[in-house]
């Protein structure tokens, strides 16, 4: 069941984290899309979509990334990937990476984001780990909470940062396209990995191996 509806107003004091200029963000995206491009398409209010996507109730461009390449890989590719009862490695279907690449983006200016990492961070915005741990069937509710958090932290919050669900030691970020300057993200060419190449698949398998995952043959 969903957690509960957001209150009318925030009575706690939300945290603020600065991602400094020069910070590298890593994202997995379709090779035909610009690495620094924000998704302009709102998710449906009830069906499909990601944890904190825009909807018609609050349309904004959004960009998900990890503060490390590992975070981007885990958050994007390890969703609902069950373990093999026989003890073999988990197999990631090739179609999951076809036509995709990992890109590194460097911030050209400081970005101020709302942290949803510690229990104190979450309590300050009337939430608990449900907000960042619940599965996709409850994403309509987490999207509603994202809209509320945006309203309560306007205009300073340029995004959200939270502990990756699939790799809690790493951090995930979502930036709001209407609060991040157009030139705030610059492609770092040395951080591009194309999964349609043998070299890219070798790199990906090396990242996946500690999680007992490998690309399917």
N, C-alpha and C. Protein backbone atom coordinates (compact mmCIF):
# COMPACT_ATOMS: atom_id res chain seq x y z
N UNK A 1 0.85 -1.19 0.00
CA UNK A 1 0.00 0.00 0.00
C UNK A 1 0.88 1.24 0.00
N UNK A 2 0.40 2.33 -0.62
CA UNK A 2 1.18 3.56 -0.60
C UNK A 2 1.34 4.10 0.81
N UNK A 3 2.36 4.86 1.01
CA UNK A 3 2.70 5.38 2.32
C UNK A 3 1.57 6.26 2.87
N UNK A 4 1.44 7.47 2.40
CA UNK A 4 0.30 8.34 2.73
C UNK A 4 0.42 9.59 1.87
N UNK A 5 -0.61 10.42 1.87
CA UNK A 5 -0.61 11.62 1.04
C UNK A 5 0.27 12.69 1.66
N UNK A 6 0.90 13.53 0.82
CA UNK A 6 1.70 14.63 1.36
C UNK A 6 0.83 15.59 2.17
N UNK A 7 1.38 16.19 3.22
CA UNK A 7 0.61 17.17 4.00
C UNK A 7 0.43 18.46 3.21
N UNK A 8 -0.38 19.34 3.73
CA UNK A 8 -0.62 20.61 3.06
C UNK A 8 0.66 21.45 3.00
N UNK A 9 1.43 21.42 4.07
CA UNK A 9 2.64 22.24 4.11
C UNK A 9 3.75 21.46 4.82
N UNK A 10 4.98 21.82 4.52
CA UNK A 10 6.14 21.20 5.14
C UNK A 10 6.44 21.92 6.45
N UNK A 11 6.48 21.16 7.56
CA UNK A 11 6.76 21.78 8.85
C UNK A 11 8.20 21.54 9.29
N UNK A 12 8.89 20.58 8.64
CA UNK A 12 10.29 20.35 8.94
C UNK A 12 11.18 21.29 8.12
N UNK A 13 12.47 21.19 8.35
CA UNK A 13 13.44 21.98 7.61
C UNK A 13 14.21 21.05 6.67
N UNK A 14 13.94 21.12 5.37
CA UNK A 14 14.60 20.21 4.44
C UNK A 14 16.10 20.47 4.37
N UNK A 15 16.85 19.41 4.11
CA UNK A 15 18.28 19.57 3.94
C UNK A 15 18.62 20.18 2.60
N UNK A 16 19.86 20.55 2.43
CA UNK A 16 20.35 21.09 1.16
C UNK A 16 21.77 20.57 0.95
N UNK A 17 21.99 19.98 -0.21
CA UNK A 17 23.31 19.47 -0.59
C UNK A 17 23.74 20.17 -1.86
N UNK A 18 24.98 20.58 -1.93
CA UNK A 18 25.50 21.22 -3.14
C UNK A 18 26.36 20.24 -3.90
N UNK A 19 26.00 20.00 -5.15
CA UNK A 19 26.86 19.26 -6.06
C UNK A 19 27.77 20.30 -6.71
N UNK A 20 29.04 20.32 -6.36
CA UNK A 20 29.89 21.42 -6.81
C UNK A 20 30.24 21.34 -8.29
N UNK A 21 30.55 22.50 -8.82
CA UNK A 21 31.05 22.59 -10.18
C UNK A 21 32.19 21.59 -10.37
N UNK A 22 32.16 20.87 -11.50
CA UNK A 22 33.17 19.87 -11.77
C UNK A 22 32.74 18.46 -11.42
N UNK A 23 31.64 18.32 -10.67
CA UNK A 23 31.14 16.99 -10.33
C UNK A 23 30.79 16.21 -11.59
N UNK A 24 31.14 14.93 -11.61
CA UNK A 24 30.77 14.06 -12.72
C UNK A 24 29.48 13.32 -12.41
N UNK A 25 28.55 13.35 -13.34
CA UNK A 25 27.34 12.55 -13.28
C UNK A 25 27.42 11.51 -14.40
N UNK A 26 26.85 10.34 -14.15
CA UNK A 26 26.89 9.26 -15.13
C UNK A 26 25.46 8.81 -15.41
N UNK A 27 25.13 8.69 -16.69
CA UNK A 27 23.78 8.25 -17.03
C UNK A 27 23.82 7.25 -18.17
N UNK A 28 22.86 6.32 -18.20
CA UNK A 28 22.67 5.40 -19.30
C UNK A 28 21.49 5.88 -20.11
N UNK A 29 21.67 5.96 -21.42
CA UNK A 29 20.62 6.52 -22.27
C UNK A 29 20.72 5.91 -23.66
N UNK A 30 19.67 6.12 -24.46
CA UNK A 30 19.70 5.67 -25.84
C UNK A 30 20.79 6.39 -26.61
N UNK A 31 21.51 5.65 -27.45
CA UNK A 31 22.64 6.24 -28.19
C UNK A 31 22.18 7.35 -29.13
N UNK A 32 20.91 7.33 -29.53
CA UNK A 32 20.40 8.35 -30.45
C UNK A 32 20.01 9.64 -29.73
N UNK A 33 20.05 9.65 -28.40
CA UNK A 33 19.66 10.83 -27.63
C UNK A 33 20.89 11.57 -27.12
N UNK A 34 20.77 12.88 -27.00
CA UNK A 34 21.87 13.69 -26.47
C UNK A 34 22.13 13.32 -25.02
N UNK A 35 23.39 13.15 -24.68
CA UNK A 35 23.74 12.74 -23.32
C UNK A 35 23.27 13.74 -22.28
N UNK A 36 23.30 15.02 -22.61
CA UNK A 36 22.94 16.06 -21.65
C UNK A 36 21.48 16.48 -21.76
N UNK A 37 20.72 15.78 -22.59
CA UNK A 37 19.32 16.17 -22.81
C UNK A 37 18.40 15.71 -21.69
N UNK A 38 17.53 16.60 -21.25
CA UNK A 38 16.51 16.26 -20.26
C UNK A 38 15.32 15.62 -20.97
N UNK A 39 14.70 14.66 -20.31
CA UNK A 39 13.49 14.04 -20.87
C UNK A 39 12.35 15.03 -20.77
N UNK A 40 11.77 15.45 -21.91
CA UNK A 40 10.72 16.46 -21.86
C UNK A 40 9.32 15.86 -21.75
N UNK A 41 9.22 14.53 -21.79
CA UNK A 41 7.91 13.88 -21.89
C UNK A 41 7.39 13.50 -20.51
N UNK A 42 6.28 14.08 -20.06
CA UNK A 42 5.73 13.69 -18.76
C UNK A 42 5.27 12.24 -18.78
N UNK A 43 5.46 11.55 -17.67
CA UNK A 43 4.92 10.20 -17.52
C UNK A 43 3.42 10.29 -17.30
N UNK A 44 2.73 9.19 -17.54
CA UNK A 44 1.31 9.12 -17.22
C UNK A 44 1.17 9.21 -15.70
N UNK A 45 0.10 9.81 -15.24
CA UNK A 45 -0.08 9.97 -13.80
C UNK A 45 -0.19 8.63 -13.07
N UNK A 46 -0.70 7.60 -13.78
CA UNK A 46 -0.94 6.32 -13.12
C UNK A 46 -0.12 5.16 -13.66
N UNK A 47 0.23 5.19 -14.94
CA UNK A 47 0.82 4.01 -15.57
C UNK A 47 2.23 4.30 -16.08
N UNK A 48 3.12 3.31 -15.88
CA UNK A 48 4.47 3.45 -16.37
C UNK A 48 5.22 4.58 -15.67
N UNK A 49 6.36 4.95 -16.25
CA UNK A 49 7.13 6.07 -15.70
C UNK A 49 8.04 5.68 -14.57
N UNK A 50 8.93 6.61 -14.21
CA UNK A 50 9.92 6.38 -13.17
C UNK A 50 9.50 6.95 -11.82
N UNK A 51 10.38 6.79 -10.85
CA UNK A 51 10.07 7.13 -9.46
C UNK A 51 9.70 8.60 -9.27
N UNK A 52 10.45 9.51 -9.91
CA UNK A 52 10.23 10.94 -9.69
C UNK A 52 9.97 11.70 -10.99
N UNK A 53 9.45 11.01 -12.00
CA UNK A 53 9.18 11.65 -13.29
C UNK A 53 8.18 12.79 -13.17
N UNK A 54 8.25 13.70 -14.14
CA UNK A 54 7.20 14.69 -14.31
C UNK A 54 5.92 14.00 -14.76
N UNK A 55 4.79 14.66 -14.52
CA UNK A 55 3.50 14.22 -15.07
C UNK A 55 2.78 15.48 -15.54
N UNK A 56 1.58 15.29 -16.06
CA UNK A 56 0.79 16.45 -16.50
C UNK A 56 0.43 17.35 -15.32
N UNK A 57 0.48 16.81 -14.10
CA UNK A 57 0.19 17.62 -12.91
C UNK A 57 1.34 18.58 -12.60
N UNK A 58 2.54 18.24 -13.02
CA UNK A 58 3.73 19.07 -12.80
C UNK A 58 4.73 18.75 -13.91
N UNK A 59 4.56 19.38 -15.07
CA UNK A 59 5.45 19.07 -16.20
C UNK A 59 6.80 19.77 -16.07
N UNK A 60 7.86 19.01 -16.13
CA UNK A 60 9.22 19.55 -16.10
C UNK A 60 10.14 18.55 -16.81
N UNK A 61 11.21 19.02 -17.39
CA UNK A 61 12.21 18.11 -17.91
C UNK A 61 12.93 17.45 -16.76
N UNK A 62 13.36 16.20 -16.95
CA UNK A 62 14.02 15.49 -15.86
C UNK A 62 15.16 14.65 -16.41
N UNK A 63 16.20 14.50 -15.60
CA UNK A 63 17.39 13.75 -15.99
C UNK A 63 17.86 12.95 -14.79
N UNK A 64 17.85 11.62 -14.92
CA UNK A 64 18.35 10.74 -13.87
C UNK A 64 19.81 10.41 -14.15
N UNK A 65 20.60 10.33 -13.09
CA UNK A 65 22.02 9.99 -13.24
C UNK A 65 22.52 9.40 -11.92
N UNK A 66 23.73 8.88 -11.96
CA UNK A 66 24.39 8.40 -10.75
C UNK A 66 25.62 9.25 -10.49
N UNK A 67 26.04 9.32 -9.24
CA UNK A 67 27.27 10.01 -8.92
C UNK A 67 28.50 9.14 -9.20
N UNK A 68 28.25 7.94 -9.70
CA UNK A 68 29.32 7.06 -10.18
C UNK A 68 28.76 6.24 -11.33
N UNK A 69 29.64 5.68 -12.13
CA UNK A 69 29.20 4.80 -13.21
C UNK A 69 28.50 3.56 -12.63
N UNK A 70 28.99 3.08 -11.50
CA UNK A 70 28.38 1.91 -10.86
C UNK A 70 26.94 2.20 -10.48
N UNK A 71 26.69 3.38 -9.92
CA UNK A 71 25.32 3.74 -9.55
C UNK A 71 24.41 3.75 -10.76
N UNK A 72 24.88 4.32 -11.87
CA UNK A 72 24.07 4.37 -13.08
C UNK A 72 23.76 2.97 -13.58
N UNK A 73 24.74 2.09 -13.58
CA UNK A 73 24.53 0.72 -14.05
C UNK A 73 23.56 -0.02 -13.15
N UNK A 74 23.76 0.06 -11.84
CA UNK A 74 22.89 -0.67 -10.91
C UNK A 74 21.46 -0.18 -10.98
N UNK A 75 21.26 1.13 -10.96
CA UNK A 75 19.90 1.68 -10.95
C UNK A 75 19.17 1.39 -12.25
N UNK A 76 19.88 1.37 -13.36
CA UNK A 76 19.22 1.22 -14.66
C UNK A 76 19.07 -0.23 -15.08
N UNK A 77 20.05 -1.07 -14.77
CA UNK A 77 20.09 -2.40 -15.36
C UNK A 77 19.82 -3.56 -14.39
N UNK A 78 19.82 -3.31 -13.10
CA UNK A 78 19.63 -4.41 -12.14
C UNK A 78 18.23 -4.47 -11.57
N UNK A 79 17.30 -3.75 -12.15
CA UNK A 79 15.92 -3.76 -11.64
C UNK A 79 15.28 -5.12 -11.92
N UNK A 80 14.66 -5.68 -10.89
CA UNK A 80 13.87 -6.92 -11.03
C UNK A 80 14.66 -8.02 -11.73
N UNK A 81 15.92 -8.16 -11.38
CA UNK A 81 16.77 -9.19 -11.97
C UNK A 81 16.98 -10.28 -10.92
N UNK A 82 16.22 -11.37 -11.00
CA UNK A 82 16.24 -12.36 -9.91
C UNK A 82 17.53 -13.18 -9.90
N UNK A 83 17.84 -13.69 -8.74
CA UNK A 83 18.98 -14.61 -8.61
C UNK A 83 18.58 -15.99 -9.11
N UNK A 84 19.56 -16.72 -9.60
CA UNK A 84 19.36 -18.08 -10.08
C UNK A 84 19.34 -19.03 -8.89
N UNK A 85 18.23 -19.76 -8.66
CA UNK A 85 18.18 -20.69 -7.52
C UNK A 85 19.28 -21.75 -7.57
N UNK A 86 19.77 -22.04 -8.78
CA UNK A 86 20.82 -23.05 -8.91
C UNK A 86 22.20 -22.49 -8.61
N UNK A 87 22.28 -21.18 -8.38
CA UNK A 87 23.55 -20.57 -8.01
C UNK A 87 24.34 -19.98 -9.15
N UNK A 88 23.79 -20.02 -10.35
CA UNK A 88 24.48 -19.43 -11.49
C UNK A 88 24.37 -17.92 -11.49
N UNK A 89 25.15 -17.25 -12.33
CA UNK A 89 25.07 -15.78 -12.39
C UNK A 89 23.73 -15.33 -12.95
N UNK A 90 23.29 -14.18 -12.50
CA UNK A 90 22.09 -13.57 -13.08
C UNK A 90 22.42 -13.12 -14.50
N UNK A 91 21.49 -13.32 -15.42
CA UNK A 91 21.72 -12.98 -16.81
C UNK A 91 20.95 -11.72 -17.18
N UNK A 92 21.68 -10.73 -17.68
CA UNK A 92 21.07 -9.50 -18.16
C UNK A 92 20.81 -9.64 -19.65
N UNK A 93 19.55 -9.56 -20.10
CA UNK A 93 19.26 -9.74 -21.52
C UNK A 93 20.00 -8.71 -22.38
N UNK A 94 20.48 -9.14 -23.53
CA UNK A 94 21.20 -8.23 -24.43
C UNK A 94 20.31 -7.07 -24.86
N UNK A 95 19.01 -7.31 -25.00
CA UNK A 95 18.12 -6.24 -25.44
C UNK A 95 18.07 -5.07 -24.44
N UNK A 96 18.45 -5.35 -23.19
CA UNK A 96 18.43 -4.30 -22.17
C UNK A 96 19.49 -3.23 -22.43
N UNK A 97 20.52 -3.57 -23.23
CA UNK A 97 21.60 -2.61 -23.47
C UNK A 97 21.75 -2.26 -24.95
N UNK A 98 20.99 -2.91 -25.82
CA UNK A 98 21.11 -2.62 -27.24
C UNK A 98 20.73 -1.17 -27.53
N UNK A 99 21.56 -0.51 -28.33
CA UNK A 99 21.29 0.88 -28.67
C UNK A 99 21.46 1.85 -27.52
N UNK A 100 22.22 1.46 -26.50
CA UNK A 100 22.38 2.32 -25.33
C UNK A 100 23.86 2.52 -25.04
N UNK A 101 24.12 3.56 -24.29
CA UNK A 101 25.49 3.85 -23.87
C UNK A 101 25.48 4.52 -22.50
N UNK A 102 26.63 4.53 -21.87
CA UNK A 102 26.83 5.29 -20.64
C UNK A 102 27.61 6.54 -20.98
N UNK A 103 27.14 7.67 -20.51
CA UNK A 103 27.83 8.94 -20.74
C UNK A 103 28.14 9.60 -19.41
N UNK A 104 29.24 10.33 -19.38
CA UNK A 104 29.62 11.12 -18.21
C UNK A 104 29.37 12.59 -18.51
N UNK A 105 28.76 13.26 -17.55
CA UNK A 105 28.44 14.69 -17.69
C UNK A 105 29.10 15.44 -16.55
N UNK A 106 29.77 16.53 -16.87
CA UNK A 106 30.44 17.34 -15.84
C UNK A 106 29.64 18.61 -15.59
N UNK A 107 29.37 18.89 -14.31
CA UNK A 107 28.65 20.11 -13.96
C UNK A 107 29.55 21.33 -14.19
N UNK A 108 29.00 22.33 -14.84
CA UNK A 108 29.76 23.56 -15.07
C UNK A 108 29.43 24.63 -14.03
N UNK A 109 28.51 24.32 -13.12
CA UNK A 109 28.13 25.25 -12.05
C UNK A 109 27.60 24.43 -10.88
N UNK A 110 27.67 25.00 -9.68
CA UNK A 110 27.11 24.33 -8.51
C UNK A 110 25.61 24.09 -8.71
N UNK A 111 25.14 22.94 -8.24
CA UNK A 111 23.71 22.62 -8.26
C UNK A 111 23.28 22.25 -6.85
N UNK A 112 22.19 22.84 -6.39
CA UNK A 112 21.69 22.61 -5.04
C UNK A 112 20.54 21.61 -5.10
N UNK A 113 20.67 20.51 -4.38
CA UNK A 113 19.68 19.45 -4.45
C UNK A 113 19.18 19.08 -3.06
N UNK A 114 18.00 18.51 -3.03
CA UNK A 114 17.37 18.08 -1.78
C UNK A 114 17.81 16.66 -1.47
N UNK A 115 18.45 16.42 -0.32
CA UNK A 115 18.90 15.06 0.02
C UNK A 115 17.77 14.22 0.61
N UNK A 116 17.70 12.97 0.15
CA UNK A 116 16.75 11.98 0.66
C UNK A 116 17.54 10.72 1.02
N UNK A 117 18.60 10.91 1.79
CA UNK A 117 19.55 9.83 2.04
C UNK A 117 19.38 9.25 3.44
N UNK A 118 19.55 10.06 4.47
CA UNK A 118 19.46 9.57 5.84
C UNK A 118 18.01 9.59 6.32
N UNK A 119 17.78 8.89 7.45
CA UNK A 119 16.45 8.92 8.05
C UNK A 119 16.07 10.34 8.45
N UNK A 120 17.06 11.14 8.87
CA UNK A 120 16.77 12.53 9.22
C UNK A 120 16.39 13.36 7.99
N UNK A 121 17.10 13.13 6.88
CA UNK A 121 16.74 13.81 5.63
C UNK A 121 15.29 13.54 5.28
N UNK A 122 14.90 12.27 5.35
CA UNK A 122 13.55 11.86 4.96
C UNK A 122 12.51 12.37 5.96
N UNK A 123 12.81 12.30 7.25
CA UNK A 123 11.86 12.78 8.25
C UNK A 123 11.61 14.27 8.11
N UNK A 124 12.63 15.02 7.69
CA UNK A 124 12.47 16.47 7.53
C UNK A 124 11.45 16.82 6.45
N UNK A 125 11.19 15.87 5.54
CA UNK A 125 10.20 16.12 4.49
C UNK A 125 9.01 15.16 4.65
N UNK A 126 8.79 14.72 5.91
CA UNK A 126 7.62 13.90 6.26
C UNK A 126 7.62 12.53 5.58
N UNK A 127 8.79 11.95 5.41
CA UNK A 127 8.86 10.66 4.72
C UNK A 127 9.80 9.69 5.43
N UNK A 128 9.83 8.45 4.92
CA UNK A 128 10.78 7.45 5.37
C UNK A 128 11.32 6.73 4.14
N UNK A 129 11.97 5.58 4.33
CA UNK A 129 12.64 4.92 3.20
C UNK A 129 11.67 4.42 2.13
N UNK A 130 10.38 4.37 2.44
CA UNK A 130 9.40 4.00 1.41
C UNK A 130 9.59 4.83 0.15
N UNK A 131 9.85 6.12 0.31
CA UNK A 131 9.92 7.03 -0.83
C UNK A 131 10.99 6.63 -1.83
N UNK A 132 12.10 6.11 -1.36
CA UNK A 132 13.22 5.79 -2.25
C UNK A 132 13.43 4.29 -2.43
N UNK A 133 12.65 3.46 -1.71
CA UNK A 133 12.82 2.01 -1.82
C UNK A 133 11.63 1.29 -2.45
N UNK A 134 10.46 1.89 -2.46
CA UNK A 134 9.29 1.18 -2.96
C UNK A 134 9.46 0.82 -4.43
N UNK A 135 8.74 -0.22 -4.85
CA UNK A 135 8.88 -0.72 -6.22
C UNK A 135 7.93 0.00 -7.18
N UNK A 136 8.03 -0.37 -8.46
CA UNK A 136 7.40 0.41 -9.54
C UNK A 136 5.88 0.50 -9.42
N UNK A 137 5.23 -0.48 -8.80
CA UNK A 137 3.77 -0.42 -8.72
C UNK A 137 3.28 0.78 -7.92
N UNK A 138 4.17 1.36 -7.10
CA UNK A 138 3.77 2.52 -6.30
C UNK A 138 4.40 3.82 -6.79
N UNK A 139 5.02 3.81 -7.97
CA UNK A 139 5.62 5.02 -8.51
C UNK A 139 4.61 6.15 -8.76
N UNK A 140 3.34 5.89 -9.07
CA UNK A 140 2.41 7.02 -9.17
C UNK A 140 2.40 7.87 -7.89
N UNK A 141 2.56 7.21 -6.74
CA UNK A 141 2.54 7.93 -5.47
C UNK A 141 3.86 8.65 -5.22
N UNK A 142 4.98 8.01 -5.57
CA UNK A 142 6.26 8.69 -5.38
C UNK A 142 6.39 9.88 -6.33
N UNK A 143 5.79 9.78 -7.52
CA UNK A 143 5.79 10.95 -8.42
C UNK A 143 5.00 12.10 -7.81
N UNK A 144 3.88 11.77 -7.16
CA UNK A 144 3.09 12.82 -6.50
C UNK A 144 3.91 13.47 -5.39
N UNK A 145 4.67 12.67 -4.65
CA UNK A 145 5.53 13.23 -3.62
C UNK A 145 6.63 14.10 -4.21
N UNK A 146 7.17 13.70 -5.35
CA UNK A 146 8.20 14.52 -6.00
C UNK A 146 7.64 15.89 -6.36
N UNK A 147 6.41 15.91 -6.85
CA UNK A 147 5.79 17.20 -7.20
C UNK A 147 5.62 18.06 -5.95
N UNK A 148 5.21 17.43 -4.85
CA UNK A 148 5.04 18.17 -3.60
C UNK A 148 6.38 18.70 -3.10
N UNK A 149 7.42 17.88 -3.16
CA UNK A 149 8.75 18.32 -2.73
C UNK A 149 9.23 19.50 -3.57
N UNK A 150 8.96 19.47 -4.86
CA UNK A 150 9.34 20.60 -5.72
C UNK A 150 8.65 21.89 -5.29
N UNK A 151 7.36 21.78 -4.99
CA UNK A 151 6.62 22.97 -4.58
C UNK A 151 7.15 23.51 -3.25
N UNK A 152 7.46 22.60 -2.33
CA UNK A 152 7.89 23.02 -1.00
C UNK A 152 9.30 23.58 -0.98
N UNK A 153 10.10 23.28 -1.99
CA UNK A 153 11.50 23.74 -2.02
C UNK A 153 11.76 24.70 -3.18
N UNK A 154 10.70 25.26 -3.71
CA UNK A 154 10.86 26.25 -4.78
C UNK A 154 11.39 27.56 -4.21
N UNK A 155 12.36 28.21 -4.87
CA UNK A 155 12.94 27.87 -6.17
C UNK A 155 14.31 27.21 -6.08
N UNK A 156 14.80 26.95 -4.86
CA UNK A 156 16.22 26.62 -4.75
C UNK A 156 16.57 25.19 -5.14
N UNK A 157 15.67 24.22 -4.90
CA UNK A 157 16.02 22.82 -5.15
C UNK A 157 16.05 22.54 -6.65
N UNK A 158 17.22 22.20 -7.15
CA UNK A 158 17.40 21.92 -8.57
C UNK A 158 17.34 20.44 -8.88
N UNK A 159 17.07 19.65 -7.86
CA UNK A 159 16.95 18.21 -8.05
C UNK A 159 16.92 17.49 -6.72
N UNK A 160 17.02 16.17 -6.79
CA UNK A 160 16.98 15.30 -5.62
C UNK A 160 18.20 14.38 -5.66
N UNK A 161 18.66 13.96 -4.48
CA UNK A 161 19.73 12.97 -4.40
C UNK A 161 19.35 11.96 -3.33
N UNK A 162 19.56 10.67 -3.61
CA UNK A 162 19.17 9.62 -2.68
C UNK A 162 20.10 8.43 -2.84
N UNK A 163 20.08 7.53 -1.86
CA UNK A 163 20.89 6.32 -1.92
C UNK A 163 20.28 5.37 -2.94
N UNK A 164 21.10 4.88 -3.85
CA UNK A 164 20.63 3.95 -4.86
C UNK A 164 19.96 2.75 -4.22
N UNK A 165 18.80 2.38 -4.71
CA UNK A 165 18.09 1.22 -4.18
C UNK A 165 18.86 -0.07 -4.44
N UNK A 166 19.47 -0.16 -5.64
CA UNK A 166 20.17 -1.39 -6.01
C UNK A 166 21.61 -1.45 -5.52
N UNK A 167 22.17 -0.31 -5.14
CA UNK A 167 23.52 -0.26 -4.57
C UNK A 167 23.54 0.87 -3.55
N UNK A 168 23.12 0.58 -2.30
CA UNK A 168 22.96 1.64 -1.30
C UNK A 168 24.23 2.42 -0.98
N UNK A 169 25.40 1.88 -1.33
CA UNK A 169 26.64 2.62 -1.08
C UNK A 169 26.84 3.75 -2.07
N UNK A 170 26.05 3.78 -3.14
CA UNK A 170 26.17 4.79 -4.18
C UNK A 170 24.99 5.75 -4.15
N UNK A 171 25.09 6.85 -4.89
CA UNK A 171 24.06 7.88 -4.88
C UNK A 171 23.45 8.07 -6.27
N UNK A 172 22.14 8.25 -6.28
CA UNK A 172 21.41 8.57 -7.50
C UNK A 172 20.95 10.02 -7.44
N UNK A 173 20.81 10.63 -8.60
CA UNK A 173 20.42 12.04 -8.70
C UNK A 173 19.35 12.18 -9.77
N UNK A 174 18.41 13.06 -9.53
CA UNK A 174 17.48 13.48 -10.58
C UNK A 174 17.44 15.00 -10.59
N UNK A 175 17.70 15.60 -11.74
CA UNK A 175 17.72 17.06 -11.87
C UNK A 175 16.46 17.54 -12.57
N UNK A 176 15.99 18.72 -12.15
CA UNK A 176 14.81 19.34 -12.74
C UNK A 176 15.23 20.27 -13.87
N UNK A 177 14.74 19.99 -15.07
CA UNK A 177 15.16 20.76 -16.22
C UNK A 177 14.78 22.23 -16.18
N UNK A 178 13.72 22.57 -15.45
CA UNK A 178 13.29 23.97 -15.40
C UNK A 178 14.04 24.77 -14.34
N UNK A 179 14.92 24.12 -13.57
CA UNK A 179 15.69 24.83 -12.56
C UNK A 179 17.20 24.71 -12.76
N UNK A 180 17.60 23.96 -13.75
CA UNK A 180 19.02 23.79 -14.06
C UNK A 180 19.32 24.57 -15.34
N UNK A 181 20.29 25.49 -15.32
CA UNK A 181 20.62 26.27 -16.53
C UNK A 181 20.97 25.36 -17.71
N UNK A 182 20.64 25.83 -18.90
CA UNK A 182 20.82 25.03 -20.11
C UNK A 182 22.26 24.60 -20.32
N UNK A 183 23.22 25.40 -19.86
CA UNK A 183 24.63 25.09 -20.09
C UNK A 183 25.30 24.48 -18.85
N UNK A 184 24.51 23.95 -17.92
CA UNK A 184 25.06 23.45 -16.66
C UNK A 184 25.68 22.07 -16.78
N UNK A 185 25.44 21.37 -17.90
CA UNK A 185 25.96 20.03 -18.09
C UNK A 185 26.82 19.99 -19.35
N UNK A 186 28.04 19.49 -19.20
CA UNK A 186 28.94 19.37 -20.35
C UNK A 186 29.38 17.91 -20.48
N UNK A 187 29.31 17.38 -21.69
CA UNK A 187 29.69 15.99 -21.93
C UNK A 187 31.18 15.82 -21.67
N UNK A 188 31.53 14.81 -20.89
CA UNK A 188 32.92 14.45 -20.65
C UNK A 188 33.24 13.28 -21.58
N UNK A 189 33.90 13.58 -22.68
CA UNK A 189 34.09 12.58 -23.74
C UNK A 189 34.81 11.33 -23.25
N UNK A 190 35.69 11.47 -22.29
CA UNK A 190 36.42 10.30 -21.82
C UNK A 190 35.58 9.32 -21.04
N UNK A 191 34.34 9.70 -20.71
CA UNK A 191 33.49 8.83 -19.90
C UNK A 191 32.42 8.12 -20.67
N UNK A 192 32.49 8.09 -22.00
CA UNK A 192 31.47 7.44 -22.82
C UNK A 192 31.79 5.97 -23.05
N UNK A 193 30.79 5.11 -22.82
CA UNK A 193 30.93 3.67 -23.05
C UNK A 193 29.76 3.23 -23.91
N UNK A 194 30.03 2.76 -25.12
CA UNK A 194 28.99 2.32 -26.05
C UNK A 194 28.77 0.82 -25.88
N UNK A 195 27.56 0.45 -25.45
CA UNK A 195 27.28 -0.95 -25.18
C UNK A 195 27.08 -1.79 -26.44
N UNK A 196 27.04 -1.16 -27.59
CA UNK A 196 26.93 -1.90 -28.85
C UNK A 196 28.30 -2.33 -29.39
N UNK A 197 29.34 -2.03 -28.66
CA UNK A 197 30.69 -2.44 -29.08
C UNK A 197 31.20 -3.54 -28.16
N UNK A 198 32.14 -4.34 -28.68
CA UNK A 198 32.72 -5.41 -27.87
C UNK A 198 33.43 -4.83 -26.64
N UNK A 199 34.12 -3.71 -26.83
CA UNK A 199 34.82 -3.07 -25.72
C UNK A 199 33.83 -2.60 -24.66
N UNK A 200 32.71 -2.04 -25.11
CA UNK A 200 31.69 -1.57 -24.17
C UNK A 200 31.06 -2.70 -23.40
N UNK A 201 30.81 -3.82 -24.05
CA UNK A 201 30.22 -4.98 -23.36
C UNK A 201 31.22 -5.59 -22.37
N UNK A 202 32.48 -5.57 -22.73
CA UNK A 202 33.51 -6.06 -21.81
C UNK A 202 33.57 -5.18 -20.56
N UNK A 203 33.52 -3.87 -20.77
CA UNK A 203 33.52 -2.94 -19.63
C UNK A 203 32.30 -3.19 -18.75
N UNK A 204 31.13 -3.37 -19.36
CA UNK A 204 29.91 -3.57 -18.60
C UNK A 204 29.96 -4.87 -17.81
N UNK A 205 30.44 -5.93 -18.41
CA UNK A 205 30.53 -7.20 -17.69
C UNK A 205 31.46 -7.09 -16.48
N UNK A 206 32.51 -6.29 -16.60
CA UNK A 206 33.43 -6.10 -15.47
C UNK A 206 32.72 -5.38 -14.32
N UNK A 207 31.86 -4.42 -14.64
CA UNK A 207 31.10 -3.71 -13.60
C UNK A 207 30.04 -4.62 -12.98
N UNK A 208 29.42 -5.46 -13.81
CA UNK A 208 28.34 -6.33 -13.34
C UNK A 208 28.84 -7.51 -12.51
N UNK A 209 30.07 -7.93 -12.74
CA UNK A 209 30.57 -9.18 -12.14
C UNK A 209 30.45 -9.22 -10.62
N UNK A 210 30.80 -8.14 -9.89
CA UNK A 210 30.67 -8.22 -8.42
C UNK A 210 29.23 -8.38 -7.94
N UNK A 211 28.26 -8.11 -8.80
CA UNK A 211 26.84 -8.26 -8.45
C UNK A 211 26.29 -9.61 -8.92
N UNK A 212 27.21 -10.48 -9.35
CA UNK A 212 26.84 -11.81 -9.84
C UNK A 212 25.87 -11.71 -11.01
N UNK A 213 26.22 -10.84 -11.95
CA UNK A 213 25.42 -10.60 -13.15
C UNK A 213 26.37 -10.61 -14.34
N UNK A 214 25.88 -11.10 -15.46
CA UNK A 214 26.62 -11.00 -16.71
C UNK A 214 25.65 -10.86 -17.86
N UNK A 215 26.12 -10.27 -18.94
CA UNK A 215 25.30 -10.17 -20.13
C UNK A 215 25.00 -11.57 -20.65
N UNK A 216 23.76 -11.78 -21.06
CA UNK A 216 23.39 -13.07 -21.63
C UNK A 216 24.14 -13.27 -22.95
N UNK A 217 24.46 -14.53 -23.30
CA UNK A 217 25.17 -14.81 -24.54
C UNK A 217 24.37 -14.32 -25.76
